[in-house]
């Protein structure tokens, strides 16, 4: 096991922490999930974009697919266990 230190703005950390908490994840679990997905995808698990129309269309498509075919989890630990 190792430690990862990341420097980010305090406001961003607080907002991200609140958002993650609202979906049952802590910061550490969310970052582990992100890094696992980076390894699985062999790159970023998303395509960076600032175009709000493209982002919304992509979000709507992914949300629809997840609702139809996605798995359901009760905790972040269940998600992480499934990724590993």
PDB file of N, CA and C in Angstrom:
ATOM      1  N   UNK A   1       0.863  -1.175   0.000  1.00  0.00           N
ATOM      2  CA  UNK A   1       0.000   0.000   0.000  1.00  0.00           C
ATOM      3  C   UNK A   1       0.902   1.229   0.000  1.00  0.00           C
ATOM      4  N   UNK A   2       0.482   2.268  -0.686  1.00  0.00           N
ATOM      5  CA  UNK A   2       1.248   3.495  -0.755  1.00  0.00           C
ATOM      6  C   UNK A   2       0.335   4.698  -0.537  1.00  0.00           C
ATOM      7  N   UNK A   3       0.930   5.850  -0.373  1.00  0.00           N
ATOM      8  CA  UNK A   3       0.175   7.082  -0.150  1.00  0.00           C
ATOM      9  C   UNK A   3       0.327   7.978  -1.369  1.00  0.00           C
ATOM     10  N   UNK A   4      -0.759   8.627  -1.746  1.00  0.00           N
ATOM     11  CA  UNK A   4      -0.773   9.564  -2.858  1.00  0.00           C
ATOM     12  C   UNK A   4      -1.166  10.928  -2.320  1.00  0.00           C
ATOM     13  N   UNK A   5      -0.326  11.927  -2.517  1.00  0.00           N
ATOM     14  CA  UNK A   5      -0.650  13.290  -2.097  1.00  0.00           C
ATOM     15  C   UNK A   5      -0.995  14.117  -3.318  1.00  0.00           C
ATOM     16  N   UNK A   6      -2.108  14.827  -3.253  1.00  0.00           N
ATOM     17  CA  UNK A   6      -2.564  15.647  -4.369  1.00  0.00           C
ATOM     18  C   UNK A   6      -2.855  17.044  -3.853  1.00  0.00           C
ATOM     19  N   UNK A   7      -2.376  18.053  -4.540  1.00  0.00           N
ATOM     20  CA  UNK A   7      -2.648  19.435  -4.153  1.00  0.00           C
ATOM     21  C   UNK A   7      -3.762  19.980  -5.045  1.00  0.00           C
ATOM     22  N   UNK A   8      -4.857  20.362  -4.405  1.00  0.00           N
ATOM     23  CA  UNK A   8      -5.981  20.969  -5.113  1.00  0.00           C
ATOM     24  C   UNK A   8      -6.523  22.113  -4.269  1.00  0.00           C
ATOM     25  N   UNK A   9      -7.327  22.954  -4.896  1.00  0.00           N
ATOM     26  CA  UNK A   9      -7.923  24.061  -4.178  1.00  0.00           C
ATOM     27  C   UNK A   9      -8.868  23.528  -3.104  1.00  0.00           C
ATOM     28  N   UNK A  10      -8.881  24.178  -1.952  1.00  0.00           N
ATOM     29  CA  UNK A  10      -9.710  23.752  -0.830  1.00  0.00           C
ATOM     30  C   UNK A  10     -11.193  23.704  -1.204  1.00  0.00           C
ATOM     31  N   UNK A  11     -11.644  24.708  -1.965  1.00  0.00           N
ATOM     32  CA  UNK A  11     -13.048  24.775  -2.375  1.00  0.00           C
ATOM     33  C   UNK A  11     -13.430  23.569  -3.232  1.00  0.00           C
ATOM     34  N   UNK A  12     -12.548  23.182  -4.144  1.00  0.00           N
ATOM     35  CA  UNK A  12     -12.806  22.017  -4.996  1.00  0.00           C
ATOM     36  C   UNK A  12     -12.872  20.747  -4.154  1.00  0.00           C
ATOM     37  N   UNK A  13     -11.954  20.609  -3.212  1.00  0.00           N
ATOM     38  CA  UNK A  13     -11.951  19.433  -2.338  1.00  0.00           C
ATOM     39  C   UNK A  13     -13.253  19.340  -1.540  1.00  0.00           C
ATOM     40  N   UNK A  14     -13.693  20.458  -0.995  1.00  0.00           N
ATOM     41  CA  UNK A  14     -14.930  20.467  -0.204  1.00  0.00           C
ATOM     42  C   UNK A  14     -16.143  20.099  -1.057  1.00  0.00           C
ATOM     43  N   UNK A  15     -16.246  20.697  -2.253  1.00  0.00           N
ATOM     44  CA  UNK A  15     -17.379  20.404  -3.136  1.00  0.00           C
ATOM     45  C   UNK A  15     -17.359  18.946  -3.595  1.00  0.00           C
ATOM     46  N   UNK A  16     -16.186  18.457  -3.960  1.00  0.00           N
ATOM     47  CA  UNK A  16     -16.073  17.068  -4.400  1.00  0.00           C
ATOM     48  C   UNK A  16     -16.404  16.124  -3.241  1.00  0.00           C
ATOM     49  N   UNK A  17     -15.912  16.431  -2.053  1.00  0.00           N
ATOM     50  CA  UNK A  17     -16.193  15.606  -0.887  1.00  0.00           C
ATOM     51  C   UNK A  17     -17.681  15.529  -0.599  1.00  0.00           C
ATOM     52  N   UNK A  18     -18.373  16.655  -0.713  1.00  0.00           N
ATOM     53  CA  UNK A  18     -19.819  16.684  -0.478  1.00  0.00           C
ATOM     54  C   UNK A  18     -20.538  15.857  -1.537  1.00  0.00           C
ATOM     55  N   UNK A  19     -20.181  16.059  -2.788  1.00  0.00           N
ATOM     56  CA  UNK A  19     -20.810  15.313  -3.879  1.00  0.00           C
ATOM     57  C   UNK A  19     -20.597  13.818  -3.716  1.00  0.00           C
ATOM     58  N   UNK A  20     -19.371  13.418  -3.413  1.00  0.00           N
ATOM     59  CA  UNK A  20     -19.073  11.999  -3.229  1.00  0.00           C
ATOM     60  C   UNK A  20     -19.818  11.428  -2.029  1.00  0.00           C
ATOM     61  N   UNK A  21     -19.874  12.186  -0.954  1.00  0.00           N
ATOM     62  CA  UNK A  21     -20.599  11.748   0.239  1.00  0.00           C
ATOM     63  C   UNK A  21     -22.075  11.524  -0.068  1.00  0.00           C
ATOM     64  N   UNK A  22     -22.630  12.395  -0.901  1.00  0.00           N
ATOM     65  CA  UNK A  22     -24.044  12.271  -1.281  1.00  0.00           C
ATOM     66  C   UNK A  22     -24.336  10.969  -2.021  1.00  0.00           C
ATOM     67  N   UNK A  23     -23.311  10.402  -2.670  1.00  0.00           N
ATOM     68  CA  UNK A  23     -23.517   9.133  -3.377  1.00  0.00           C
ATOM     69  C   UNK A  23     -22.875   7.957  -2.639  1.00  0.00           C
ATOM     70  N   UNK A  24     -22.491   8.195  -1.391  1.00  0.00           N
ATOM     71  CA  UNK A  24     -22.002   7.117  -0.541  1.00  0.00           C
ATOM     72  C   UNK A  24     -20.535   6.764  -0.691  1.00  0.00           C
ATOM     73  N   UNK A  25     -19.749   7.683  -1.242  1.00  0.00           N
ATOM     74  CA  UNK A  25     -18.318   7.423  -1.410  1.00  0.00           C
ATOM     75  C   UNK A  25     -17.489   8.409  -0.600  1.00  0.00           C
ATOM     76  N   UNK A  26     -16.312   7.952  -0.168  1.00  0.00           N
ATOM     77  CA  UNK A  26     -15.357   8.894   0.398  1.00  0.00           C
ATOM     78  C   UNK A  26     -14.328   9.227  -0.687  1.00  0.00           C
ATOM     79  N   UNK A  27     -13.525  10.230  -0.432  1.00  0.00           N
ATOM     80  CA  UNK A  27     -12.564  10.703  -1.429  1.00  0.00           C
ATOM     81  C   UNK A  27     -11.581   9.594  -1.819  1.00  0.00           C
ATOM     82  N   UNK A  28     -11.080   8.866  -0.843  1.00  0.00           N
ATOM     83  CA  UNK A  28     -10.101   7.820  -1.111  1.00  0.00           C
ATOM     84  C   UNK A  28     -10.677   6.728  -2.011  1.00  0.00           C
ATOM     85  N   UNK A  29     -11.892   6.279  -1.736  1.00  0.00           N
ATOM     86  CA  UNK A  29     -12.523   5.245  -2.551  1.00  0.00           C
ATOM     87  C   UNK A  29     -12.770   5.745  -3.971  1.00  0.00           C
ATOM     88  N   UNK A  30     -13.224   6.996  -4.093  1.00  0.00           N
ATOM     89  CA  UNK A  30     -13.477   7.552  -5.424  1.00  0.00           C
ATOM     90  C   UNK A  30     -12.192   7.632  -6.245  1.00  0.00           C
ATOM     91  N   UNK A  31     -11.106   8.027  -5.619  1.00  0.00           N
ATOM     92  CA  UNK A  31      -9.833   8.120  -6.335  1.00  0.00           C
ATOM     93  C   UNK A  31      -9.343   6.724  -6.716  1.00  0.00           C
ATOM     94  N   UNK A  32      -9.511   5.745  -5.822  1.00  0.00           N
ATOM     95  CA  UNK A  32      -9.142   4.361  -6.163  1.00  0.00           C
ATOM     96  C   UNK A  32      -9.961   3.873  -7.349  1.00  0.00           C
ATOM     97  N   UNK A  33     -11.259   4.172  -7.349  1.00  0.00           N
ATOM     98  CA  UNK A  33     -12.115   3.765  -8.467  1.00  0.00           C
ATOM     99  C   UNK A  33     -11.636   4.403  -9.762  1.00  0.00           C
ATOM    100  N   UNK A  34     -11.320   5.692  -9.712  1.00  0.00           N
ATOM    101  CA  UNK A  34     -10.836   6.403 -10.895  1.00  0.00           C
ATOM    102  C   UNK A  34      -9.559   5.741 -11.422  1.00  0.00           C
ATOM    103  N   UNK A  35      -8.603   5.477 -10.536  1.00  0.00           N
ATOM    104  CA  UNK A  35      -7.340   4.889 -10.975  1.00  0.00           C
ATOM    105  C   UNK A  35      -7.519   3.472 -11.503  1.00  0.00           C
ATOM    106  N   UNK A  36      -8.408   2.697 -10.897  1.00  0.00           N
ATOM    107  CA  UNK A  36      -8.707   1.356 -11.428  1.00  0.00           C
ATOM    108  C   UNK A  36      -9.266   1.461 -12.845  1.00  0.00           C
ATOM    109  N   UNK A  37     -10.132   2.437 -13.070  1.00  0.00           N
ATOM    110  CA  UNK A  37     -10.727   2.604 -14.392  1.00  0.00           C
ATOM    111  C   UNK A  37      -9.690   3.089 -15.405  1.00  0.00           C
ATOM    112  N   UNK A  38      -8.750   3.924 -14.968  1.00  0.00           N
ATOM    113  CA  UNK A  38      -7.657   4.363 -15.847  1.00  0.00           C
ATOM    114  C   UNK A  38      -6.871   3.145 -16.331  1.00  0.00           C
ATOM    115  N   UNK A  39      -6.582   2.220 -15.416  1.00  0.00           N
ATOM    116  CA  UNK A  39      -5.844   1.006 -15.780  1.00  0.00           C
ATOM    117  C   UNK A  39      -6.675   0.150 -16.729  1.00  0.00           C
ATOM    118  N   UNK A  40      -7.955  -0.047 -16.407  1.00  0.00           N
ATOM    119  CA  UNK A  40      -8.835  -0.870 -17.242  1.00  0.00           C
ATOM    120  C   UNK A  40      -8.955  -0.298 -18.651  1.00  0.00           C
ATOM    121  N   UNK A  41      -9.159   1.026 -18.742  1.00  0.00           N
ATOM    122  CA  UNK A  41      -9.339   1.678 -20.039  1.00  0.00           C
ATOM    123  C   UNK A  41      -8.018   1.986 -20.739  1.00  0.00           C
ATOM    124  N   UNK A  42      -6.918   1.832 -20.009  1.00  0.00           N
ATOM    125  CA  UNK A  42      -5.593   2.206 -20.527  1.00  0.00           C
ATOM    126  C   UNK A  42      -5.575   3.665 -20.972  1.00  0.00           C
ATOM    127  N   UNK A  43      -6.221   4.503 -20.191  1.00  0.00           N
ATOM    128  CA  UNK A  43      -6.301   5.939 -20.447  1.00  0.00           C
ATOM    129  C   UNK A  43      -7.378   6.541 -19.565  1.00  0.00           C
ATOM    130  N   UNK A  44      -7.731   7.766 -19.826  1.00  0.00           N
ATOM    131  CA  UNK A  44      -8.780   8.413 -19.038  1.00  0.00           C
ATOM    132  C   UNK A  44     -10.125   7.727 -19.277  1.00  0.00           C
ATOM    133  N   UNK A  45     -10.917   7.556 -18.222  1.00  0.00           N
ATOM    134  CA  UNK A  45     -12.218   6.905 -18.390  1.00  0.00           C
ATOM    135  C   UNK A  45     -13.304   7.860 -18.883  1.00  0.00           C
ATOM    136  N   UNK A  46     -12.891   8.956 -19.465  1.00  0.00           N
ATOM    137  CA  UNK A  46     -13.809   9.936 -20.027  1.00  0.00           C
ATOM    138  C   UNK A  46     -13.046  10.763 -21.040  1.00  0.00           C
ATOM    139  N   UNK A  47     -13.762  11.441 -21.917  1.00  0.00           N
ATOM    140  CA  UNK A  47     -13.129  12.323 -22.888  1.00  0.00           C
ATOM    141  C   UNK A  47     -13.314  13.765 -22.418  1.00  0.00           C
ATOM    142  N   UNK A  48     -12.221  14.435 -22.080  1.00  0.00           N
ATOM    143  CA  UNK A  48     -12.350  15.820 -21.602  1.00  0.00           C
ATOM    144  C   UNK A  48     -12.991  16.713 -22.661  1.00  0.00           C
ATOM    145  N   UNK A  49     -13.939  17.551 -22.225  1.00  0.00           N
ATOM    146  CA  UNK A  49     -14.616  18.472 -23.130  1.00  0.00           C
ATOM    147  C   UNK A  49     -15.237  19.604 -22.325  1.00  0.00           C
ATOM    148  N   UNK A  50     -15.275  20.782 -22.910  1.00  0.00           N
ATOM    149  CA  UNK A  50     -15.951  21.916 -22.280  1.00  0.00           C
ATOM    150  C   UNK A  50     -17.267  22.231 -22.980  1.00  0.00           C
ATOM    151  N   UNK A  51     -17.594  21.493 -24.038  1.00  0.00           N
ATOM    152  CA  UNK A  51     -18.815  21.739 -24.800  1.00  0.00           C
ATOM    153  C   UNK A  51     -20.003  21.162 -24.033  1.00  0.00           C
ATOM    154  N   UNK A  52     -20.840  22.030 -23.473  1.00  0.00           N
ATOM    155  CA  UNK A  52     -21.936  21.587 -22.609  1.00  0.00           C
ATOM    156  C   UNK A  52     -22.976  20.743 -23.352  1.00  0.00           C
ATOM    157  N   UNK A  53     -23.186  20.989 -24.632  1.00  0.00           N
ATOM    158  CA  UNK A  53     -24.145  20.194 -25.408  1.00  0.00           C
ATOM    159  C   UNK A  53     -23.637  18.763 -25.554  1.00  0.00           C
ATOM    160  N   UNK A  54     -22.366  18.620 -25.888  1.00  0.00           N
ATOM    161  CA  UNK A  54     -21.761  17.294 -26.024  1.00  0.00           C
ATOM    162  C   UNK A  54     -21.757  16.575 -24.676  1.00  0.00           C
ATOM    163  N   UNK A  55     -21.381  17.296 -23.638  1.00  0.00           N
ATOM    164  CA  UNK A  55     -21.350  16.691 -22.306  1.00  0.00           C
ATOM    165  C   UNK A  55     -22.725  16.203 -21.870  1.00  0.00           C
ATOM    166  N   UNK A  56     -23.760  17.014 -22.095  1.00  0.00           N
ATOM    167  CA  UNK A  56     -25.113  16.628 -21.693  1.00  0.00           C
ATOM    168  C   UNK A  56     -25.600  15.414 -22.490  1.00  0.00           C
ATOM    169  N   UNK A  57     -25.334  15.397 -23.785  1.00  0.00           N
ATOM    170  CA  UNK A  57     -25.747  14.267 -24.620  1.00  0.00           C
ATOM    171  C   UNK A  57     -25.033  12.988 -24.177  1.00  0.00           C
ATOM    172  N   UNK A  58     -23.750  13.109 -23.889  1.00  0.00           N
ATOM    173  CA  UNK A  58     -22.977  11.958 -23.428  1.00  0.00           C
ATOM    174  C   UNK A  58     -23.506  11.467 -22.078  1.00  0.00           C
ATOM    175  N   UNK A  59     -23.787  12.410 -21.189  1.00  0.00           N
ATOM    176  CA  UNK A  59     -24.321  12.066 -19.872  1.00  0.00           C
ATOM    177  C   UNK A  59     -25.671  11.355 -19.999  1.00  0.00           C
ATOM    178  N   UNK A  60     -26.561  11.912 -20.796  1.00  0.00           N
ATOM    179  CA  UNK A  60     -27.886  11.317 -20.968  1.00  0.00           C
ATOM    180  C   UNK A  60     -27.789   9.890 -21.517  1.00  0.00           C
ATOM    181  N   UNK A  61     -26.916   9.681 -22.480  1.00  0.00           N
ATOM    182  CA  UNK A  61     -26.741   8.353 -23.066  1.00  0.00           C
ATOM    183  C   UNK A  61     -26.199   7.371 -22.030  1.00  0.00           C
ATOM    184  N   UNK A  62     -25.176   7.788 -21.281  1.00  0.00           N
ATOM    185  CA  UNK A  62     -24.585   6.908 -20.278  1.00  0.00           C
ATOM    186  C   UNK A  62     -25.572   6.607 -19.151  1.00  0.00           C
ATOM    187  N   UNK A  63     -26.321   7.607 -18.726  1.00  0.00           N
ATOM    188  CA  UNK A  63     -27.301   7.407 -17.657  1.00  0.00           C
ATOM    189  C   UNK A  63     -28.386   6.431 -18.105  1.00  0.00           C
ATOM    190  N   UNK A  64     -28.851   6.575 -19.329  1.00  0.00           N
ATOM    191  CA  UNK A  64     -29.867   5.672 -19.867  1.00  0.00           C
ATOM    192  C   UNK A  64     -29.348   4.239 -19.924  1.00  0.00           C
ATOM    193  N   UNK A  65     -28.132   4.061 -20.410  1.00  0.00           N
ATOM    194  CA  UNK A  65     -27.523   2.728 -20.483  1.00  0.00           C
ATOM    195  C   UNK A  65     -27.364   2.130 -19.086  1.00  0.00           C
ATOM    196  N   UNK A  66     -26.920   2.937 -18.147  1.00  0.00           N
ATOM    197  CA  UNK A  66     -26.708   2.444 -16.784  1.00  0.00           C
ATOM    198  C   UNK A  66     -28.023   2.019 -16.143  1.00  0.00           C
ATOM    199  N   UNK A  67     -29.067   2.798 -16.366  1.00  0.00           N
ATOM    200  CA  UNK A  67     -30.367   2.450 -15.790  1.00  0.00           C
ATOM    201  C   UNK A  67     -30.922   1.152 -16.383  1.00  0.00           C
ATOM    202  N   UNK A  68     -30.658   0.931 -17.665  1.00  0.00           N
ATOM    203  CA  UNK A  68     -31.164  -0.268 -18.330  1.00  0.00           C
ATOM    204  C   UNK A  68     -30.331  -1.504 -18.021  1.00  0.00           C
ATOM    205  N   UNK A  69     -29.005  -1.341 -18.000  1.00  0.00           N
ATOM    206  CA  UNK A  69     -28.124  -2.503 -17.959  1.00  0.00           C
ATOM    207  C   UNK A  69     -27.121  -2.500 -16.813  1.00  0.00           C
ATOM    208  N   UNK A  70     -27.093  -1.449 -16.030  1.00  0.00           N
ATOM    209  CA  UNK A  70     -26.066  -1.320 -14.999  1.00  0.00           C
ATOM    210  C   UNK A  70     -26.342  -2.129 -13.751  1.00  0.00           C
ATOM    211  N   UNK A  71     -25.296  -2.321 -12.978  1.00  0.00           N
ATOM    212  CA  UNK A  71     -25.397  -3.002 -11.697  1.00  0.00           C
ATOM    213  C   UNK A  71     -25.796  -1.987 -10.627  1.00  0.00           C
ATOM    214  N   UNK A  72     -26.237  -2.497  -9.498  1.00  0.00           N
ATOM    215  CA  UNK A  72     -26.626  -1.654  -8.383  1.00  0.00           C
ATOM    216  C   UNK A  72     -25.749  -1.992  -7.183  1.00  0.00           C
ATOM    217  N   UNK A  73     -25.294  -0.972  -6.489  1.00  0.00           N
ATOM    218  CA  UNK A  73     -24.430  -1.152  -5.327  1.00  0.00           C
ATOM    219  C   UNK A  73     -24.991  -0.370  -4.148  1.00  0.00           C
ATOM    220  N   UNK A  74     -24.718  -0.858  -2.945  1.00  0.00           N
ATOM    221  CA  UNK A  74     -25.170  -0.162  -1.740  1.00  0.00           C
ATOM    222  C   UNK A  74     -24.057   0.670  -1.121  1.00  0.00           C
ATOM    223  N   UNK A  75     -22.799   0.301  -1.382  1.00  0.00           N
ATOM    224  CA  UNK A  75     -21.685   1.030  -0.796  1.00  0.00           C
ATOM    225  C   UNK A  75     -20.563   1.191  -1.829  1.00  0.00           C
ATOM    226  N   UNK A  76     -19.703   2.140  -1.555  1.00  0.00           N
ATOM    227  CA  UNK A  76     -18.529   2.342  -2.404  1.00  0.00           C
ATOM    228  C   UNK A  76     -17.604   1.133  -2.372  1.00  0.00           C
ATOM    229  N   UNK A  77     -17.551   0.457  -1.225  1.00  0.00           N
ATOM    230  CA  UNK A  77     -16.705  -0.718  -1.116  1.00  0.00           C
ATOM    231  C   UNK A  77     -17.173  -1.829  -2.049  1.00  0.00           C
ATOM    232  N   UNK A  78     -18.488  -1.973  -2.229  1.00  0.00           N
ATOM    233  CA  UNK A  78     -19.020  -2.965  -3.166  1.00  0.00           C
ATOM    234  C   UNK A  78     -18.573  -2.643  -4.591  1.00  0.00           C
ATOM    235  N   UNK A  79     -18.602  -1.368  -4.940  1.00  0.00           N
ATOM    236  CA  UNK A  79     -18.183  -0.938  -6.275  1.00  0.00           C
ATOM    237  C   UNK A  79     -16.718  -1.264  -6.482  1.00  0.00           C
ATOM    238  N   UNK A  80     -15.894  -0.880  -5.515  1.00  0.00           N
ATOM    239  CA  UNK A  80     -14.456  -1.117  -5.630  1.00  0.00           C
ATOM    240  C   UNK A  80     -14.157  -2.610  -5.729  1.00  0.00           C
ATOM    241  N   UNK A  81     -14.837  -3.423  -4.921  1.00  0.00           N
ATOM    242  CA  UNK A  81     -14.628  -4.870  -4.973  1.00  0.00           C
ATOM    243  C   UNK A  81     -14.976  -5.420  -6.354  1.00  0.00           C
ATOM    244  N   UNK A  82     -16.018  -4.890  -6.971  1.00  0.00           N
ATOM    245  CA  UNK A  82     -16.423  -5.337  -8.296  1.00  0.00           C
ATOM    246  C   UNK A  82     -15.390  -4.912  -9.360  1.00  0.00           C
ATOM    247  N   UNK A  83     -14.778  -3.758  -9.181  1.00  0.00           N
ATOM    248  CA  UNK A  83     -13.761  -3.302 -10.124  1.00  0.00           C
ATOM    249  C   UNK A  83     -12.499  -4.138 -10.045  1.00  0.00           C
ATOM    250  N   UNK A  84     -12.174  -4.567  -8.844  1.00  0.00           N
ATOM    251  CA  UNK A  84     -10.947  -5.352  -8.660  1.00  0.00           C
ATOM    252  C   UNK A  84     -11.244  -6.786  -8.951  1.00  0.00           C
TER     253      UNK A  84
END
